[in-house]
Amino acid sequence: QVQLVESGGGLVQAGGSLRLSCAASERTFSFYPMGWFRQAPGQEREFVASIKWSADSTYYAESVKGRFTISRDNAKNLVYLQMNSLKPEDTAVYYCAARTDYSRSGYSLYDYDYWGQGTQVTVSS
C-alpha cells in the first residue's frame, strides 16, 4: 500500500509563493498518476492539479491555472506543487493523492486510491 506524506505548507502573505512536496513510500509510485486536492473549512475537497506518470501531461483547475505548477521526480518518489501569486482564497488543507486506474479522469476525488494526511496552507491578505 502506498503511503503519501505532504510537506511545505505554512503561512504566507497574498502574492507570495509556496512549494508543496509529497513523498511516496513505494517505487511503484512512479507508475501512478498523481493529483493535488484542497479542502477549505466547510467546503468539499476540490481538484487542484494532476499529472500523469510520465509527467508529459498536466491538468489544472481553472482557479489555479497560470499560478500553480505540478511536477514530479519519479527517481525520488516525489511530486510537487509550486504555488505562486497566492490569494487568500487559496487557503485550505492541501492533499496529494495517487490513483491506480488509468481510465479514470483524475478530476474527481473518487478517482484516487491513496491519500496523504494533508498540509495546511494559509494565505493572509
N, C-alpha and C. Protein backbone atom coordinates (compact mmCIF):
# COMPACT_ATOMS: atom_id res chain seq x y z
N GLN A 1 0.84 -1.19 0.00
CA GLN A 1 0.00 0.00 0.00
C GLN A 1 0.88 1.24 0.00
N VAL A 2 0.55 2.18 -0.86
CA VAL A 2 1.32 3.41 -0.98
C VAL A 2 0.98 4.35 0.16
N GLN A 3 2.01 4.88 0.80
CA GLN A 3 1.82 5.92 1.81
C GLN A 3 2.34 7.24 1.26
N LEU A 4 1.58 8.29 1.48
CA LEU A 4 1.91 9.60 0.96
C LEU A 4 2.03 10.58 2.11
N VAL A 5 3.07 11.40 2.08
CA VAL A 5 3.30 12.38 3.15
C VAL A 5 3.56 13.74 2.51
N GLU A 6 2.69 14.70 2.80
CA GLU A 6 2.85 16.05 2.28
C GLU A 6 3.69 16.90 3.23
N SER A 7 4.34 17.89 2.68
CA SER A 7 5.08 18.87 3.47
C SER A 7 5.16 20.17 2.69
N GLY A 8 5.57 21.23 3.39
CA GLY A 8 5.78 22.50 2.71
C GLY A 8 4.71 23.54 2.93
N GLY A 9 3.66 23.18 3.63
CA GLY A 9 2.61 24.16 3.89
C GLY A 9 3.08 25.20 4.89
N GLY A 10 2.25 26.24 5.06
CA GLY A 10 2.60 27.28 6.01
C GLY A 10 1.76 28.51 5.81
N LEU A 11 2.21 29.60 6.43
CA LEU A 11 1.54 30.88 6.35
C LEU A 11 2.33 31.79 5.41
N VAL A 12 1.63 32.40 4.48
CA VAL A 12 2.28 33.28 3.50
C VAL A 12 1.36 34.45 3.21
N GLN A 13 1.94 35.58 2.87
CA GLN A 13 1.13 36.74 2.50
C GLN A 13 0.62 36.61 1.07
N ALA A 14 -0.46 37.27 0.80
CA ALA A 14 -1.00 37.27 -0.55
C ALA A 14 0.07 37.75 -1.53
N GLY A 15 0.14 37.06 -2.66
CA GLY A 15 1.16 37.36 -3.66
C GLY A 15 2.42 36.54 -3.50
N GLY A 16 2.54 35.85 -2.39
CA GLY A 16 3.72 35.05 -2.13
C GLY A 16 3.66 33.67 -2.78
N SER A 17 4.67 32.86 -2.46
CA SER A 17 4.79 31.53 -3.07
C SER A 17 5.08 30.48 -2.01
N LEU A 18 4.67 29.27 -2.31
CA LEU A 18 5.00 28.10 -1.52
C LEU A 18 5.20 26.93 -2.46
N ARG A 19 6.02 25.97 -2.05
CA ARG A 19 6.14 24.73 -2.80
C ARG A 19 5.81 23.58 -1.88
N LEU A 20 4.78 22.85 -2.24
CA LEU A 20 4.40 21.66 -1.50
C LEU A 20 5.10 20.44 -2.11
N SER A 21 5.44 19.51 -1.22
CA SER A 21 6.03 18.25 -1.66
C SER A 21 5.20 17.10 -1.14
N CYS A 22 5.21 16.02 -1.89
CA CYS A 22 4.52 14.80 -1.49
C CYS A 22 5.47 13.65 -1.72
N ALA A 23 5.81 12.96 -0.64
CA ALA A 23 6.73 11.83 -0.72
C ALA A 23 5.94 10.53 -0.66
N ALA A 24 6.26 9.63 -1.60
CA ALA A 24 5.59 8.34 -1.66
C ALA A 24 6.51 7.26 -1.13
N SER A 25 5.90 6.23 -0.55
CA SER A 25 6.69 5.21 0.15
C SER A 25 7.18 4.10 -0.76
N GLU A 26 6.64 4.01 -1.97
CA GLU A 26 6.99 2.88 -2.81
C GLU A 26 7.51 3.31 -4.17
N ARG A 27 8.36 2.47 -4.73
CA ARG A 27 8.88 2.74 -6.06
C ARG A 27 7.79 2.66 -7.11
N THR A 28 6.72 1.87 -6.84
CA THR A 28 5.63 1.74 -7.82
C THR A 28 4.90 3.07 -8.00
N PHE A 29 5.19 4.01 -7.09
CA PHE A 29 4.62 5.35 -7.23
C PHE A 29 4.85 5.91 -8.62
N SER A 30 6.00 5.61 -9.21
CA SER A 30 6.36 6.21 -10.49
C SER A 30 5.40 5.82 -11.60
N PHE A 31 4.58 4.79 -11.38
CA PHE A 31 3.63 4.37 -12.40
C PHE A 31 2.25 4.98 -12.20
N TYR A 32 2.05 5.68 -11.09
CA TYR A 32 0.71 6.17 -10.77
C TYR A 32 0.53 7.63 -11.19
N PRO A 33 -0.61 7.93 -11.81
CA PRO A 33 -0.97 9.34 -11.94
C PRO A 33 -1.20 9.92 -10.54
N MET A 34 -0.82 11.17 -10.37
CA MET A 34 -0.91 11.81 -9.07
C MET A 34 -1.75 13.07 -9.16
N GLY A 35 -2.35 13.44 -8.04
CA GLY A 35 -3.14 14.65 -8.01
C GLY A 35 -2.96 15.41 -6.72
N TRP A 36 -3.28 16.70 -6.79
CA TRP A 36 -3.38 17.55 -5.61
C TRP A 36 -4.82 18.04 -5.50
N PHE A 37 -5.33 17.98 -4.29
CA PHE A 37 -6.65 18.49 -3.96
C PHE A 37 -6.53 19.43 -2.78
N ARG A 38 -7.57 20.21 -2.54
CA ARG A 38 -7.58 21.07 -1.37
C ARG A 38 -8.98 21.13 -0.77
N GLN A 39 -9.00 21.42 0.51
CA GLN A 39 -10.28 21.50 1.21
C GLN A 39 -10.25 22.65 2.20
N ALA A 40 -11.11 23.62 1.96
CA ALA A 40 -11.25 24.75 2.87
C ALA A 40 -12.32 24.41 3.91
N PRO A 41 -12.31 25.09 5.06
CA PRO A 41 -13.30 24.79 6.11
C PRO A 41 -14.72 24.92 5.58
N GLY A 42 -15.52 23.90 5.84
CA GLY A 42 -16.92 23.92 5.45
C GLY A 42 -17.18 23.67 3.98
N GLN A 43 -16.12 23.36 3.24
CA GLN A 43 -16.28 23.12 1.80
C GLN A 43 -15.85 21.71 1.44
N GLU A 44 -16.26 21.30 0.26
CA GLU A 44 -15.88 19.98 -0.22
C GLU A 44 -14.43 20.00 -0.72
N ARG A 45 -13.84 18.84 -0.71
CA ARG A 45 -12.49 18.71 -1.26
C ARG A 45 -12.56 18.90 -2.77
N GLU A 46 -11.69 19.74 -3.29
CA GLU A 46 -11.74 20.06 -4.71
C GLU A 46 -10.42 19.79 -5.41
N PHE A 47 -10.54 19.50 -6.68
CA PHE A 47 -9.39 19.23 -7.53
C PHE A 47 -8.57 20.49 -7.72
N VAL A 48 -7.24 20.33 -7.68
CA VAL A 48 -6.32 21.43 -7.94
C VAL A 48 -5.50 21.15 -9.20
N ALA A 49 -4.83 20.00 -9.22
CA ALA A 49 -3.96 19.68 -10.35
C ALA A 49 -3.68 18.19 -10.37
N SER A 50 -3.31 17.68 -11.55
CA SER A 50 -2.92 16.29 -11.65
C SER A 50 -1.83 16.15 -12.70
N ILE A 51 -1.14 15.02 -12.63
CA ILE A 51 -0.02 14.77 -13.53
C ILE A 51 0.04 13.28 -13.83
N LYS A 52 0.32 12.94 -15.09
CA LYS A 52 0.46 11.55 -15.47
C LYS A 52 1.80 11.00 -14.99
N TRP A 53 1.93 9.68 -15.03
CA TRP A 53 3.15 9.06 -14.52
C TRP A 53 4.38 9.53 -15.30
N SER A 54 4.20 9.81 -16.58
CA SER A 54 5.32 10.22 -17.41
C SER A 54 5.62 11.70 -17.32
N ALA A 55 4.75 12.43 -16.60
CA ALA A 55 4.91 13.87 -16.40
C ALA A 55 4.78 14.68 -17.69
N ASP A 56 4.33 14.05 -18.76
CA ASP A 56 4.20 14.79 -20.01
C ASP A 56 2.83 15.44 -20.17
N SER A 57 1.94 15.16 -19.22
CA SER A 57 0.61 15.77 -19.27
C SER A 57 0.23 16.23 -17.88
N THR A 58 -0.18 17.47 -17.80
CA THR A 58 -0.63 18.04 -16.54
C THR A 58 -1.98 18.71 -16.73
N TYR A 59 -2.75 18.78 -15.67
CA TYR A 59 -4.09 19.32 -15.72
C TYR A 59 -4.31 20.19 -14.48
N TYR A 60 -5.07 21.27 -14.68
CA TYR A 60 -5.26 22.23 -13.59
C TYR A 60 -6.72 22.69 -13.50
N ALA A 61 -7.11 23.00 -12.28
CA ALA A 61 -8.38 23.68 -12.09
C ALA A 61 -8.25 25.10 -12.64
N GLU A 62 -9.33 25.64 -13.14
CA GLU A 62 -9.30 26.98 -13.72
C GLU A 62 -8.84 28.02 -12.70
N SER A 63 -9.18 27.80 -11.45
CA SER A 63 -8.86 28.79 -10.41
C SER A 63 -7.37 28.91 -10.13
N VAL A 64 -6.58 27.92 -10.55
CA VAL A 64 -5.14 27.96 -10.26
C VAL A 64 -4.30 27.98 -11.52
N LYS A 65 -4.92 27.85 -12.66
CA LYS A 65 -4.18 27.79 -13.92
C LYS A 65 -3.36 29.06 -14.11
N GLY A 66 -2.10 28.88 -14.45
CA GLY A 66 -1.21 30.02 -14.65
C GLY A 66 -0.49 30.45 -13.38
N ARG A 67 -0.93 29.95 -12.23
CA ARG A 67 -0.29 30.30 -10.95
C ARG A 67 0.38 29.09 -10.30
N PHE A 68 -0.20 27.92 -10.46
CA PHE A 68 0.32 26.70 -9.84
C PHE A 68 0.94 25.81 -10.90
N THR A 69 1.96 25.06 -10.50
CA THR A 69 2.60 24.10 -11.40
C THR A 69 2.82 22.79 -10.66
N ILE A 70 2.32 21.71 -11.25
CA ILE A 70 2.54 20.38 -10.68
C ILE A 70 3.69 19.73 -11.44
N SER A 71 4.53 19.01 -10.71
CA SER A 71 5.65 18.30 -11.33
C SER A 71 5.96 17.07 -10.48
N ARG A 72 6.82 16.22 -11.00
CA ARG A 72 7.18 15.02 -10.26
C ARG A 72 8.61 14.62 -10.57
N ASP A 73 9.21 13.93 -9.62
CA ASP A 73 10.54 13.35 -9.78
C ASP A 73 10.40 11.87 -9.41
N ASN A 74 10.24 11.04 -10.42
CA ASN A 74 9.99 9.62 -10.16
C ASN A 74 11.20 8.93 -9.52
N ALA A 75 12.39 9.42 -9.80
CA ALA A 75 13.59 8.82 -9.21
C ALA A 75 13.62 9.00 -7.70
N LYS A 76 12.98 10.08 -7.24
CA LYS A 76 12.96 10.38 -5.81
C LYS A 76 11.61 10.10 -5.16
N ASN A 77 10.68 9.58 -5.94
CA ASN A 77 9.33 9.30 -5.42
C ASN A 77 8.66 10.55 -4.85
N LEU A 78 8.80 11.66 -5.57
CA LEU A 78 8.26 12.93 -5.12
C LEU A 78 7.37 13.55 -6.17
N VAL A 79 6.33 14.24 -5.69
CA VAL A 79 5.52 15.09 -6.55
C VAL A 79 5.43 16.45 -5.86
N TYR A 80 5.43 17.50 -6.67
CA TYR A 80 5.48 18.86 -6.15
C TYR A 80 4.27 19.67 -6.63
N LEU A 81 3.97 20.69 -5.86
CA LEU A 81 3.01 21.70 -6.30
C LEU A 81 3.61 23.06 -5.99
N GLN A 82 4.09 23.73 -7.03
CA GLN A 82 4.61 25.08 -6.90
C GLN A 82 3.46 26.05 -6.99
N MET A 83 3.29 26.86 -5.97
CA MET A 83 2.16 27.78 -5.91
C MET A 83 2.68 29.21 -5.87
N ASN A 84 2.37 29.97 -6.89
CA ASN A 84 2.79 31.37 -6.99
C ASN A 84 1.58 32.29 -6.97
N SER A 85 1.83 33.54 -6.72
CA SER A 85 0.76 34.56 -6.71
C SER A 85 -0.42 34.09 -5.86
N LEU A 86 -0.11 33.65 -4.68
CA LEU A 86 -1.15 33.08 -3.82
C LEU A 86 -2.16 34.14 -3.39
N LYS A 87 -3.40 33.68 -3.24
CA LYS A 87 -4.52 34.53 -2.86
C LYS A 87 -5.13 34.00 -1.56
N PRO A 88 -5.81 34.86 -0.83
CA PRO A 88 -6.46 34.36 0.41
C PRO A 88 -7.42 33.20 0.15
N GLU A 89 -8.05 33.19 -1.01
CA GLU A 89 -8.97 32.09 -1.33
C GLU A 89 -8.27 30.77 -1.60
N ASP A 90 -6.94 30.78 -1.66
CA ASP A 90 -6.19 29.53 -1.78
C ASP A 90 -5.99 28.85 -0.42
N THR A 91 -6.40 29.52 0.64
CA THR A 91 -6.26 28.95 1.97
C THR A 91 -7.07 27.66 2.10
N ALA A 92 -6.40 26.59 2.50
CA ALA A 92 -7.03 25.28 2.59
C ALA A 92 -6.01 24.27 3.10
N VAL A 93 -6.50 23.08 3.41
CA VAL A 93 -5.61 21.94 3.60
C VAL A 93 -5.41 21.29 2.24
N TYR A 94 -4.16 21.09 1.89
CA TYR A 94 -3.82 20.53 0.58
C TYR A 94 -3.42 19.07 0.75
N TYR A 95 -3.98 18.23 -0.12
CA TYR A 95 -3.75 16.80 -0.07
C TYR A 95 -3.17 16.32 -1.39
N CYS A 96 -2.21 15.40 -1.31
CA CYS A 96 -1.81 14.71 -2.53
C CYS A 96 -2.47 13.34 -2.54
N ALA A 97 -2.62 12.81 -3.73
CA ALA A 97 -3.33 11.55 -3.89
C ALA A 97 -2.76 10.79 -5.08
N ALA A 98 -2.89 9.48 -5.01
CA ALA A 98 -2.42 8.61 -6.10
C ALA A 98 -3.58 7.74 -6.59
N ARG A 99 -3.61 7.52 -7.87
CA ARG A 99 -4.65 6.63 -8.41
C ARG A 99 -4.01 5.54 -9.25
N THR A 100 -4.60 4.36 -9.18
CA THR A 100 -4.05 3.20 -9.88
C THR A 100 -4.80 2.89 -11.16
N ASP A 101 -5.98 3.49 -11.33
CA ASP A 101 -6.79 3.23 -12.51
C ASP A 101 -6.56 4.34 -13.52
N TYR A 102 -5.86 4.00 -14.60
CA TYR A 102 -5.53 4.99 -15.62
C TYR A 102 -6.75 5.46 -16.40
N SER A 103 -7.83 4.67 -16.35
CA SER A 103 -9.01 5.03 -17.14
C SER A 103 -9.81 6.16 -16.50
N ARG A 104 -9.56 6.43 -15.23
CA ARG A 104 -10.30 7.49 -14.56
C ARG A 104 -9.77 8.85 -15.00
N SER A 105 -10.64 9.84 -14.92
CA SER A 105 -10.26 11.15 -15.42
C SER A 105 -9.22 11.83 -14.54
N GLY A 106 -9.33 11.59 -13.23
CA GLY A 106 -8.40 12.23 -12.31
C GLY A 106 -8.89 13.55 -11.76
N TYR A 107 -10.08 13.99 -12.16
CA TYR A 107 -10.61 15.25 -11.68
C TYR A 107 -11.46 15.08 -10.42
N SER A 108 -11.90 13.88 -10.18
CA SER A 108 -12.75 13.61 -9.01
C SER A 108 -11.93 12.98 -7.90
N LEU A 109 -12.24 13.34 -6.67
CA LEU A 109 -11.52 12.74 -5.56
C LEU A 109 -11.79 11.24 -5.49
N TYR A 110 -12.91 10.80 -6.04
CA TYR A 110 -13.25 9.37 -6.02
C TYR A 110 -12.42 8.57 -7.02
N ASP A 111 -11.67 9.24 -7.84
CA ASP A 111 -10.78 8.56 -8.79
C ASP A 111 -9.51 8.05 -8.12
N TYR A 112 -9.25 8.49 -6.89
CA TYR A 112 -7.97 8.24 -6.24
C TYR A 112 -8.07 7.19 -5.16
N ASP A 113 -6.99 6.41 -5.04
CA ASP A 113 -6.98 5.28 -4.13
C ASP A 113 -6.21 5.55 -2.84
N TYR A 114 -5.22 6.42 -2.92
CA TYR A 114 -4.36 6.66 -1.76
C TYR A 114 -4.27 8.17 -1.52
N TRP A 115 -4.25 8.54 -0.24
CA TRP A 115 -4.24 9.95 0.16
C TRP A 115 -3.20 10.20 1.24
N GLY A 116 -2.64 11.40 1.20
CA GLY A 116 -1.80 11.84 2.30
C GLY A 116 -2.66 12.43 3.41
N GLN A 117 -1.99 12.88 4.46
CA GLN A 117 -2.70 13.40 5.63
C GLN A 117 -3.03 14.88 5.48
N GLY A 118 -2.43 15.55 4.51
CA GLY A 118 -2.72 16.95 4.25
C GLY A 118 -1.73 17.89 4.90
N THR A 119 -1.59 19.06 4.29
CA THR A 119 -0.75 20.11 4.84
C THR A 119 -1.49 21.44 4.72
N GLN A 120 -1.46 22.23 5.77
CA GLN A 120 -2.22 23.47 5.81
C GLN A 120 -1.49 24.59 5.07
N VAL A 121 -2.22 25.27 4.22
CA VAL A 121 -1.73 26.47 3.55
C VAL A 121 -2.65 27.62 3.93
N THR A 122 -2.08 28.67 4.49
CA THR A 122 -2.85 29.83 4.89
C THR A 122 -2.26 31.06 4.22
N VAL A 123 -3.11 31.78 3.49
CA VAL A 123 -2.67 32.98 2.78
C VAL A 123 -3.36 34.17 3.42
N SER A 124 -2.56 35.08 3.95
CA SER A 124 -3.12 36.26 4.61
C SER A 124 -3.23 37.41 3.62
N SER A 125 -4.22 38.25 3.83
CA SER A 125 -4.44 39.38 2.92
C SER A 125 -3.68 40.62 3.37
